[in-house]
N, C-alpha and C. Protein backbone atom coordinates (compact mmCIF):
# COMPACT_ATOMS: atom_id res chain seq x y z
N MET A 1 134.31 84.31 95.73
CA MET A 1 134.18 85.05 94.50
C MET A 1 133.06 84.48 93.63
N ALA A 2 133.00 83.15 93.55
CA ALA A 2 131.96 82.54 92.72
C ALA A 2 130.58 82.86 93.27
N GLN A 3 130.46 82.91 94.60
CA GLN A 3 129.15 83.19 95.17
C GLN A 3 128.71 84.62 94.84
N SER A 4 129.62 85.58 94.86
CA SER A 4 129.23 86.96 94.54
C SER A 4 128.83 87.07 93.07
N ASN A 5 129.49 86.29 92.20
CA ASN A 5 129.09 86.30 90.79
C ASN A 5 127.69 85.73 90.64
N ASN A 6 127.41 84.64 91.35
CA ASN A 6 126.08 84.06 91.28
C ASN A 6 125.03 85.02 91.81
N THR A 7 125.36 85.69 92.91
CA THR A 7 124.43 86.67 93.47
C THR A 7 124.21 87.80 92.49
N GLY A 8 125.27 88.28 91.87
CA GLY A 8 125.15 89.34 90.87
C GLY A 8 124.35 88.90 89.67
N ASN A 9 124.58 87.66 89.22
CA ASN A 9 123.82 87.13 88.09
C ASN A 9 122.35 86.98 88.43
N ALA A 10 122.08 86.53 89.65
CA ALA A 10 120.68 86.38 90.07
C ALA A 10 119.99 87.73 90.13
N ALA A 11 120.69 88.74 90.65
CA ALA A 11 120.10 90.08 90.72
C ALA A 11 119.87 90.64 89.32
N GLY A 12 120.84 90.41 88.42
CA GLY A 12 120.68 90.87 87.04
C GLY A 12 119.56 90.16 86.33
N SER A 13 119.44 88.85 86.58
CA SER A 13 118.36 88.07 85.98
C SER A 13 117.01 88.54 86.48
N THR A 14 116.92 88.82 87.78
CA THR A 14 115.67 89.32 88.35
C THR A 14 115.32 90.67 87.75
N GLY A 15 116.33 91.54 87.62
CA GLY A 15 116.10 92.86 87.03
C GLY A 15 115.62 92.76 85.59
N GLN A 16 116.21 91.85 84.83
CA GLN A 16 115.81 91.67 83.43
C GLN A 16 114.39 91.11 83.35
N ALA A 17 114.07 90.17 84.22
CA ALA A 17 112.72 89.60 84.22
C ALA A 17 111.69 90.66 84.59
N MET A 18 112.01 91.48 85.58
CA MET A 18 111.09 92.55 85.99
C MET A 18 110.92 93.56 84.86
N MET A 19 112.00 93.85 84.14
CA MET A 19 111.92 94.79 83.01
C MET A 19 111.04 94.22 81.91
N ARG A 20 111.21 92.94 81.58
CA ARG A 20 110.36 92.31 80.57
C ARG A 20 108.90 92.31 80.99
N MET A 21 108.65 92.02 82.27
CA MET A 21 107.29 92.02 82.78
C MET A 21 106.69 93.43 82.68
N THR A 22 107.46 94.43 83.06
CA THR A 22 106.98 95.81 83.02
C THR A 22 106.67 96.22 81.59
N ILE A 23 107.53 95.87 80.66
CA ILE A 23 107.29 96.19 79.24
C ILE A 23 106.02 95.49 78.76
N GLY A 24 105.84 94.23 79.15
CA GLY A 24 104.64 93.50 78.76
C GLY A 24 103.37 94.14 79.29
N ILE A 25 103.41 94.57 80.53
CA ILE A 25 102.24 95.23 81.13
C ILE A 25 101.96 96.55 80.44
N VAL A 26 103.00 97.32 80.15
CA VAL A 26 102.82 98.61 79.47
C VAL A 26 102.22 98.39 78.08
N VAL A 27 102.71 97.40 77.35
CA VAL A 27 102.17 97.10 76.02
C VAL A 27 100.70 96.71 76.14
N LEU A 28 100.36 95.86 77.11
CA LEU A 28 98.97 95.46 77.32
C LEU A 28 98.08 96.67 77.62
N VAL A 29 98.55 97.54 78.50
CA VAL A 29 97.77 98.72 78.86
C VAL A 29 97.58 99.63 77.65
N VAL A 30 98.63 99.86 76.87
CA VAL A 30 98.54 100.74 75.70
C VAL A 30 97.58 100.16 74.66
N LEU A 31 97.74 98.88 74.35
CA LEU A 31 96.86 98.25 73.36
C LEU A 31 95.40 98.24 73.84
N THR A 32 95.20 97.98 75.13
CA THR A 32 93.85 97.99 75.68
C THR A 32 93.24 99.38 75.61
N ALA A 33 94.03 100.39 75.96
CA ALA A 33 93.53 101.77 75.90
C ALA A 33 93.18 102.16 74.46
N LEU A 34 94.02 101.77 73.51
CA LEU A 34 93.74 102.07 72.10
C LEU A 34 92.43 101.41 71.66
N LEU A 35 92.26 100.17 72.02
CA LEU A 35 91.03 99.46 71.66
C LEU A 35 89.82 100.11 72.33
N PHE A 36 89.96 100.47 73.60
CA PHE A 36 88.86 101.08 74.35
C PHE A 36 88.44 102.41 73.72
N PHE A 37 89.41 103.22 73.31
CA PHE A 37 89.08 104.55 72.79
C PHE A 37 88.69 104.56 71.31
N PHE A 38 89.28 103.66 70.52
CA PHE A 38 89.04 103.70 69.07
C PHE A 38 88.03 102.68 68.58
N ALA A 39 87.72 101.68 69.39
CA ALA A 39 86.72 100.68 68.99
C ALA A 39 85.94 100.21 70.21
N PRO A 40 85.25 101.14 70.89
CA PRO A 40 84.57 100.75 72.13
C PRO A 40 83.52 99.66 71.95
N GLU A 41 82.92 99.58 70.76
CA GLU A 41 81.91 98.54 70.53
C GLU A 41 82.53 97.15 70.50
N ASP A 42 83.83 97.06 70.23
CA ASP A 42 84.54 95.77 70.18
C ASP A 42 85.31 95.49 71.48
N PHE A 43 85.16 96.34 72.47
CA PHE A 43 85.99 96.23 73.66
C PHE A 43 85.56 95.09 74.59
N TYR A 44 84.27 94.84 74.73
CA TYR A 44 83.79 93.86 75.70
C TYR A 44 84.42 92.48 75.54
N PRO A 45 84.44 91.88 74.34
CA PRO A 45 85.03 90.53 74.27
C PRO A 45 86.51 90.52 74.65
N TRP A 46 87.22 91.61 74.32
CA TRP A 46 88.63 91.69 74.69
C TRP A 46 88.79 91.87 76.19
N ALA A 47 87.93 92.69 76.79
CA ALA A 47 87.97 92.88 78.24
C ALA A 47 87.70 91.56 78.95
N LYS A 48 86.72 90.82 78.45
CA LYS A 48 86.38 89.54 79.05
C LYS A 48 87.55 88.55 78.92
N ALA A 49 88.18 88.52 77.75
CA ALA A 49 89.32 87.62 77.54
C ALA A 49 90.49 87.99 78.46
N ILE A 50 90.78 89.28 78.55
CA ILE A 50 91.88 89.72 79.42
C ILE A 50 91.54 89.40 80.88
N HIS A 51 90.30 89.61 81.27
CA HIS A 51 89.87 89.31 82.63
C HIS A 51 90.06 87.81 82.93
N ILE A 52 89.64 86.96 82.02
CA ILE A 52 89.78 85.51 82.23
C ILE A 52 91.25 85.11 82.32
N LEU A 53 92.09 85.66 81.45
CA LEU A 53 93.53 85.36 81.50
C LEU A 53 94.14 85.82 82.83
N ALA A 54 93.73 87.00 83.29
CA ALA A 54 94.24 87.51 84.56
C ALA A 54 93.78 86.64 85.73
N VAL A 55 92.51 86.21 85.69
CA VAL A 55 92.00 85.34 86.76
C VAL A 55 92.78 84.03 86.79
N ILE A 56 93.03 83.45 85.62
CA ILE A 56 93.79 82.20 85.56
C ILE A 56 95.19 82.41 86.16
N SER A 57 95.84 83.50 85.79
CA SER A 57 97.18 83.78 86.32
C SER A 57 97.16 84.00 87.82
N TRP A 58 96.17 84.79 88.28
CA TRP A 58 96.05 85.07 89.71
C TRP A 58 95.83 83.76 90.48
N MET A 59 94.91 82.95 90.00
CA MET A 59 94.60 81.70 90.70
C MET A 59 95.79 80.74 90.67
N ALA A 60 96.49 80.67 89.56
CA ALA A 60 97.67 79.80 89.50
C ALA A 60 98.66 80.18 90.60
N GLY A 61 98.88 81.47 90.74
CA GLY A 61 99.79 81.94 91.78
C GLY A 61 99.25 81.71 93.18
N MET A 62 97.94 81.94 93.35
CA MET A 62 97.32 81.78 94.66
C MET A 62 97.27 80.31 95.09
N LEU A 63 97.29 79.41 94.13
CA LEU A 63 97.31 77.98 94.45
C LEU A 63 98.74 77.49 94.71
N TYR A 64 99.72 78.13 94.07
CA TYR A 64 101.11 77.69 94.19
C TYR A 64 101.82 78.32 95.39
N LEU A 65 101.56 79.59 95.68
CA LEU A 65 102.29 80.28 96.74
C LEU A 65 102.15 79.60 98.11
N PRO A 66 100.93 79.24 98.54
CA PRO A 66 100.85 78.56 99.84
C PRO A 66 101.61 77.23 99.87
N ARG A 67 101.67 76.56 98.73
CA ARG A 67 102.42 75.30 98.66
C ARG A 67 103.91 75.58 98.87
N LEU A 68 104.41 76.66 98.29
CA LEU A 68 105.80 77.05 98.54
C LEU A 68 106.02 77.33 100.02
N LEU A 69 105.04 77.99 100.64
CA LEU A 69 105.16 78.31 102.07
C LEU A 69 105.16 77.05 102.93
N VAL A 70 104.44 76.01 102.51
CA VAL A 70 104.47 74.73 103.22
C VAL A 70 105.90 74.20 103.26
N TYR A 71 106.54 74.17 102.09
CA TYR A 71 107.91 73.65 102.02
C TYR A 71 108.89 74.57 102.72
N HIS A 72 108.67 75.88 102.59
CA HIS A 72 109.57 76.86 103.21
C HIS A 72 109.50 76.75 104.74
N ALA A 73 108.32 76.50 105.29
CA ALA A 73 108.17 76.38 106.74
C ALA A 73 109.02 75.23 107.30
N ASP A 74 109.24 74.21 106.48
CA ASP A 74 110.04 73.06 106.92
C ASP A 74 111.53 73.24 106.66
N ALA A 75 111.91 74.28 105.91
CA ALA A 75 113.32 74.51 105.59
C ALA A 75 113.99 75.21 106.77
N GLU A 76 115.25 74.90 106.99
CA GLU A 76 116.00 75.54 108.08
C GLU A 76 116.29 76.99 107.71
N LYS A 77 116.03 77.90 108.66
CA LYS A 77 116.27 79.32 108.43
C LYS A 77 117.73 79.55 108.06
N GLY A 78 117.94 80.35 107.01
CA GLY A 78 119.28 80.68 106.57
C GLY A 78 119.90 79.66 105.63
N SER A 79 119.23 78.53 105.43
CA SER A 79 119.77 77.50 104.55
C SER A 79 119.64 77.93 103.09
N VAL A 80 120.37 77.26 102.22
CA VAL A 80 120.29 77.54 100.78
C VAL A 80 118.86 77.31 100.31
N GLN A 81 118.24 76.27 100.80
CA GLN A 81 116.86 75.96 100.42
C GLN A 81 115.92 77.10 100.84
N SER A 82 116.07 77.59 102.06
CA SER A 82 115.24 78.69 102.54
C SER A 82 115.44 79.95 101.70
N GLU A 83 116.67 80.24 101.36
CA GLU A 83 116.96 81.43 100.55
C GLU A 83 116.38 81.28 99.13
N THR A 84 116.40 80.06 98.61
CA THR A 84 115.81 79.81 97.29
C THR A 84 114.30 80.03 97.34
N PHE A 85 113.66 79.54 98.40
CA PHE A 85 112.20 79.75 98.54
C PHE A 85 111.88 81.24 98.62
N LYS A 86 112.71 82.01 99.30
CA LYS A 86 112.48 83.46 99.41
C LYS A 86 112.43 84.10 98.02
N VAL A 87 113.38 83.73 97.17
CA VAL A 87 113.43 84.29 95.81
C VAL A 87 112.20 83.85 95.02
N MET A 88 111.87 82.57 95.10
CA MET A 88 110.72 82.05 94.36
C MET A 88 109.43 82.74 94.80
N GLU A 89 109.24 82.88 96.10
CA GLU A 89 108.03 83.51 96.64
C GLU A 89 107.93 84.97 96.21
N ARG A 90 109.03 85.70 96.32
CA ARG A 90 109.02 87.12 95.95
C ARG A 90 108.71 87.29 94.46
N ARG A 91 109.35 86.50 93.63
CA ARG A 91 109.12 86.62 92.18
C ARG A 91 107.69 86.25 91.81
N LEU A 92 107.18 85.19 92.41
CA LEU A 92 105.81 84.77 92.14
C LEU A 92 104.82 85.87 92.55
N LEU A 93 105.02 86.43 93.74
CA LEU A 93 104.11 87.45 94.24
C LEU A 93 104.19 88.73 93.40
N ARG A 94 105.39 89.23 93.21
CA ARG A 94 105.56 90.51 92.50
C ARG A 94 105.38 90.40 91.00
N GLY A 95 105.81 89.29 90.44
CA GLY A 95 105.81 89.17 88.98
C GLY A 95 104.55 88.60 88.37
N ILE A 96 103.78 87.85 89.16
CA ILE A 96 102.59 87.21 88.61
C ILE A 96 101.34 87.56 89.43
N ILE A 97 101.36 87.25 90.71
CA ILE A 97 100.14 87.35 91.51
C ILE A 97 99.65 88.80 91.62
N ASN A 98 100.52 89.71 92.02
CA ASN A 98 100.08 91.11 92.19
C ASN A 98 99.56 91.73 90.89
N PRO A 99 100.33 91.66 89.78
CA PRO A 99 99.80 92.25 88.54
C PRO A 99 98.51 91.58 88.07
N ALA A 100 98.43 90.26 88.22
CA ALA A 100 97.22 89.54 87.79
C ALA A 100 96.01 89.96 88.61
N MET A 101 96.20 90.17 89.91
CA MET A 101 95.08 90.61 90.74
C MET A 101 94.59 92.00 90.30
N VAL A 102 95.53 92.90 90.04
CA VAL A 102 95.15 94.25 89.62
C VAL A 102 94.37 94.21 88.30
N VAL A 103 94.86 93.46 87.33
CA VAL A 103 94.18 93.36 86.03
C VAL A 103 92.81 92.70 86.21
N THR A 104 92.73 91.68 87.05
CA THR A 104 91.45 91.02 87.33
C THR A 104 90.44 92.02 87.86
N TRP A 105 90.83 92.80 88.85
CA TRP A 105 89.93 93.78 89.45
C TRP A 105 89.53 94.87 88.45
N VAL A 106 90.49 95.40 87.71
CA VAL A 106 90.19 96.50 86.77
C VAL A 106 89.17 96.05 85.73
N PHE A 107 89.44 94.94 85.07
CA PHE A 107 88.53 94.49 84.02
C PHE A 107 87.24 93.91 84.58
N GLY A 108 87.32 93.27 85.74
CA GLY A 108 86.12 92.73 86.37
C GLY A 108 85.16 93.84 86.79
N LEU A 109 85.69 94.88 87.41
CA LEU A 109 84.82 96.00 87.80
C LEU A 109 84.26 96.74 86.59
N TRP A 110 85.08 96.87 85.54
CA TRP A 110 84.57 97.51 84.32
C TRP A 110 83.39 96.73 83.76
N MET A 111 83.53 95.39 83.70
CA MET A 111 82.43 94.58 83.17
C MET A 111 81.22 94.61 84.11
N ALA A 112 81.46 94.59 85.42
CA ALA A 112 80.34 94.66 86.38
C ALA A 112 79.55 95.95 86.18
N TRP A 113 80.24 97.02 85.88
CA TRP A 113 79.60 98.32 85.67
C TRP A 113 78.97 98.41 84.29
N LYS A 114 79.76 98.17 83.26
CA LYS A 114 79.33 98.40 81.88
C LYS A 114 78.35 97.34 81.38
N VAL A 115 78.57 96.09 81.72
CA VAL A 115 77.76 95.00 81.18
C VAL A 115 76.57 94.69 82.09
N PHE A 116 76.81 94.66 83.41
CA PHE A 116 75.77 94.24 84.34
C PHE A 116 75.17 95.37 85.16
N GLY A 117 75.73 96.57 85.05
CA GLY A 117 75.22 97.71 85.81
C GLY A 117 75.23 97.46 87.31
N PHE A 118 76.15 96.63 87.75
CA PHE A 118 76.25 96.24 89.16
C PHE A 118 74.93 95.67 89.70
N HIS A 119 74.15 95.03 88.82
CA HIS A 119 72.88 94.40 89.24
C HIS A 119 73.03 92.89 89.28
N GLY A 120 72.34 92.29 90.20
CA GLY A 120 72.32 90.84 90.30
C GLY A 120 72.92 90.37 91.61
N GLY A 121 72.13 89.59 92.33
CA GLY A 121 72.62 89.06 93.60
C GLY A 121 73.87 88.22 93.42
N TRP A 122 73.90 87.44 92.32
CA TRP A 122 75.07 86.60 92.06
C TRP A 122 76.31 87.46 91.91
N LEU A 123 76.17 88.64 91.27
CA LEU A 123 77.32 89.53 91.05
C LEU A 123 77.82 90.10 92.38
N HIS A 124 76.89 90.49 93.24
CA HIS A 124 77.28 91.01 94.55
C HIS A 124 77.98 89.93 95.37
N ALA A 125 77.45 88.71 95.32
CA ALA A 125 78.08 87.60 96.03
C ALA A 125 79.47 87.31 95.46
N LYS A 126 79.58 87.36 94.14
CA LYS A 126 80.88 87.12 93.49
C LYS A 126 81.88 88.18 93.93
N ILE A 127 81.48 89.44 93.90
CA ILE A 127 82.40 90.51 94.31
C ILE A 127 82.80 90.32 95.77
N GLY A 128 81.86 89.90 96.61
CA GLY A 128 82.19 89.62 98.01
C GLY A 128 83.23 88.52 98.15
N LEU A 129 83.07 87.46 97.36
CA LEU A 129 84.05 86.36 97.40
C LEU A 129 85.41 86.79 96.84
N VAL A 130 85.40 87.64 95.82
CA VAL A 130 86.66 88.14 95.27
C VAL A 130 87.33 89.06 96.29
N LEU A 131 86.55 89.79 97.07
CA LEU A 131 87.12 90.57 98.17
C LEU A 131 87.79 89.65 99.19
N LEU A 132 87.13 88.54 99.52
CA LEU A 132 87.74 87.57 100.43
C LEU A 132 89.04 87.00 99.85
N LEU A 133 89.01 86.68 98.55
CA LEU A 133 90.22 86.18 97.89
C LEU A 133 91.33 87.22 97.94
N SER A 134 90.97 88.48 97.78
CA SER A 134 91.96 89.55 97.87
C SER A 134 92.53 89.65 99.29
N GLY A 135 91.68 89.38 100.28
CA GLY A 135 92.16 89.35 101.66
C GLY A 135 93.15 88.21 101.88
N VAL A 136 92.86 87.06 101.30
CA VAL A 136 93.80 85.93 101.38
C VAL A 136 95.10 86.31 100.68
N HIS A 137 94.99 86.99 99.56
CA HIS A 137 96.16 87.48 98.83
C HIS A 137 97.00 88.37 99.76
N GLY A 138 96.35 89.29 100.45
CA GLY A 138 97.07 90.16 101.37
C GLY A 138 97.73 89.39 102.50
N TYR A 139 97.03 88.39 103.02
CA TYR A 139 97.59 87.55 104.08
C TYR A 139 98.84 86.83 103.57
N LEU A 140 98.77 86.30 102.36
CA LEU A 140 99.93 85.61 101.78
C LEU A 140 101.08 86.57 101.51
N ALA A 141 100.77 87.79 101.07
CA ALA A 141 101.82 88.79 100.84
C ALA A 141 102.53 89.11 102.16
N GLY A 142 101.75 89.22 103.24
CA GLY A 142 102.36 89.45 104.55
C GLY A 142 103.23 88.27 104.97
N ALA A 143 102.77 87.07 104.66
CA ALA A 143 103.55 85.87 104.99
C ALA A 143 104.87 85.85 104.23
N VAL A 144 104.83 86.24 102.96
CA VAL A 144 106.06 86.29 102.17
C VAL A 144 107.05 87.26 102.82
N ARG A 145 106.56 88.40 103.29
CA ARG A 145 107.44 89.36 103.98
C ARG A 145 108.03 88.74 105.25
N LYS A 146 107.20 88.04 106.03
CA LYS A 146 107.70 87.41 107.26
C LYS A 146 108.73 86.33 106.95
N PHE A 147 108.46 85.51 105.95
CA PHE A 147 109.44 84.49 105.57
C PHE A 147 110.74 85.14 105.10
N ALA A 148 110.64 86.24 104.34
CA ALA A 148 111.84 86.92 103.84
C ALA A 148 112.70 87.44 104.99
N GLU A 149 112.05 87.78 106.09
CA GLU A 149 112.76 88.28 107.28
C GLU A 149 113.03 87.17 108.29
N ASP A 150 112.79 85.92 107.91
CA ASP A 150 112.96 84.76 108.79
C ASP A 150 112.14 84.90 110.07
N ARG A 151 110.92 85.43 109.93
CA ARG A 151 110.05 85.63 111.09
C ARG A 151 108.79 84.76 111.04
N ASN A 152 108.74 83.77 110.19
CA ASN A 152 107.57 82.90 110.15
C ASN A 152 107.50 82.08 111.42
N GLU A 153 106.33 82.05 112.02
CA GLU A 153 106.14 81.24 113.23
C GLU A 153 105.07 80.18 113.02
N LYS A 154 104.51 80.11 111.81
CA LYS A 154 103.44 79.16 111.52
C LYS A 154 104.05 77.84 111.04
N PRO A 155 103.48 76.72 111.47
CA PRO A 155 103.98 75.42 111.01
C PRO A 155 103.50 75.12 109.58
N ALA A 156 104.10 74.13 108.97
CA ALA A 156 103.72 73.73 107.62
C ALA A 156 102.23 73.35 107.57
N ARG A 157 101.72 72.76 108.63
CA ARG A 157 100.29 72.38 108.67
C ARG A 157 99.38 73.59 108.46
N HIS A 158 99.72 74.71 109.06
CA HIS A 158 98.94 75.94 108.87
C HIS A 158 98.88 76.30 107.39
N TRP A 159 100.02 76.25 106.72
CA TRP A 159 100.07 76.63 105.29
C TRP A 159 99.36 75.61 104.42
N ARG A 160 99.32 74.34 104.85
CA ARG A 160 98.54 73.34 104.11
C ARG A 160 97.05 73.68 104.16
N ILE A 161 96.59 74.14 105.31
CA ILE A 161 95.18 74.53 105.44
C ILE A 161 94.90 75.78 104.63
N VAL A 162 95.79 76.77 104.73
CA VAL A 162 95.63 78.01 103.96
C VAL A 162 95.62 77.72 102.46
N ASN A 163 96.35 76.70 102.06
CA ASN A 163 96.43 76.32 100.65
C ASN A 163 95.07 75.95 100.07
N GLU A 164 94.13 75.51 100.92
CA GLU A 164 92.81 75.09 100.45
C GLU A 164 91.84 76.26 100.27
N ILE A 165 92.09 77.37 100.93
CA ILE A 165 91.15 78.50 100.91
C ILE A 165 90.95 79.06 99.49
N PRO A 166 92.03 79.36 98.73
CA PRO A 166 91.79 79.87 97.37
C PRO A 166 91.02 78.90 96.50
N THR A 167 91.23 77.60 96.68
CA THR A 167 90.51 76.60 95.90
C THR A 167 89.01 76.68 96.19
N LEU A 168 88.65 76.74 97.45
CA LEU A 168 87.24 76.81 97.82
C LEU A 168 86.58 78.09 97.31
N LEU A 169 87.29 79.21 97.43
CA LEU A 169 86.76 80.47 96.92
C LEU A 169 86.59 80.42 95.40
N MET A 170 87.57 79.84 94.71
CA MET A 170 87.49 79.73 93.25
C MET A 170 86.28 78.91 92.83
N ILE A 171 86.03 77.81 93.49
CA ILE A 171 84.88 76.96 93.16
C ILE A 171 83.58 77.74 93.32
N ALA A 172 83.45 78.44 94.43
CA ALA A 172 82.23 79.22 94.67
C ALA A 172 82.06 80.33 93.64
N ILE A 173 83.15 81.00 93.30
CA ILE A 173 83.09 82.10 92.32
C ILE A 173 82.68 81.57 90.96
N VAL A 174 83.26 80.48 90.52
CA VAL A 174 82.92 79.90 89.22
C VAL A 174 81.45 79.48 89.18
N ILE A 175 80.98 78.87 90.26
CA ILE A 175 79.57 78.47 90.32
C ILE A 175 78.66 79.69 90.19
N LEU A 176 79.01 80.78 90.86
CA LEU A 176 78.20 82.00 90.77
C LEU A 176 78.20 82.58 89.36
N VAL A 177 79.37 82.61 88.73
CA VAL A 177 79.48 83.20 87.39
C VAL A 177 78.75 82.37 86.35
N VAL A 178 78.91 81.08 86.40
CA VAL A 178 78.31 80.21 85.40
C VAL A 178 76.81 80.01 85.66
N GLY A 179 76.46 79.76 86.91
CA GLY A 179 75.07 79.44 87.23
C GLY A 179 74.18 80.66 87.45
N LYS A 180 74.76 81.78 87.87
CA LYS A 180 73.98 82.98 88.19
C LYS A 180 72.70 82.59 88.95
N PRO A 181 72.86 81.93 90.11
CA PRO A 181 71.68 81.36 90.79
C PRO A 181 70.71 82.36 91.37
N PHE A 182 71.11 83.60 91.56
CA PHE A 182 70.18 84.60 92.10
C PHE A 182 70.58 85.98 91.67
């Protein structure tokens, strides 16, 4: 009986967290749309700030999720620890990483178009690297699904290596944005 209450509480907690996240995203979208339509001359600094916040959130998740997968790969399938990792991975992916990636792309593409006119070799290289990062994101999302179904066949060492890829991409992207070398 106690376990079903805990399961029910966890499901209710997840539902409440998802509802709060959804409300937050809706408020952000509405406020952004209002600013875009009623004060377009003031929109760029806000778009840039939102883009930076989204990138930070996306990268935080992209750096943490593979680390969770390292620990999850060593957990016994069906164990309490494994089930806890499943919840953590799903919440991180759905609640932070996915929305942050979408916001990053939306505001990043808007700025690439409106501010830079899609000109500049550095910008094209940056977009290419962000595409690669999005591919890593997709790979990790697939891994979360496999772990949720207890179908992971990769060892912890694999996930340790994968954990380094977002870091390397982030370094290259920041260098391109700050240095604009070409």
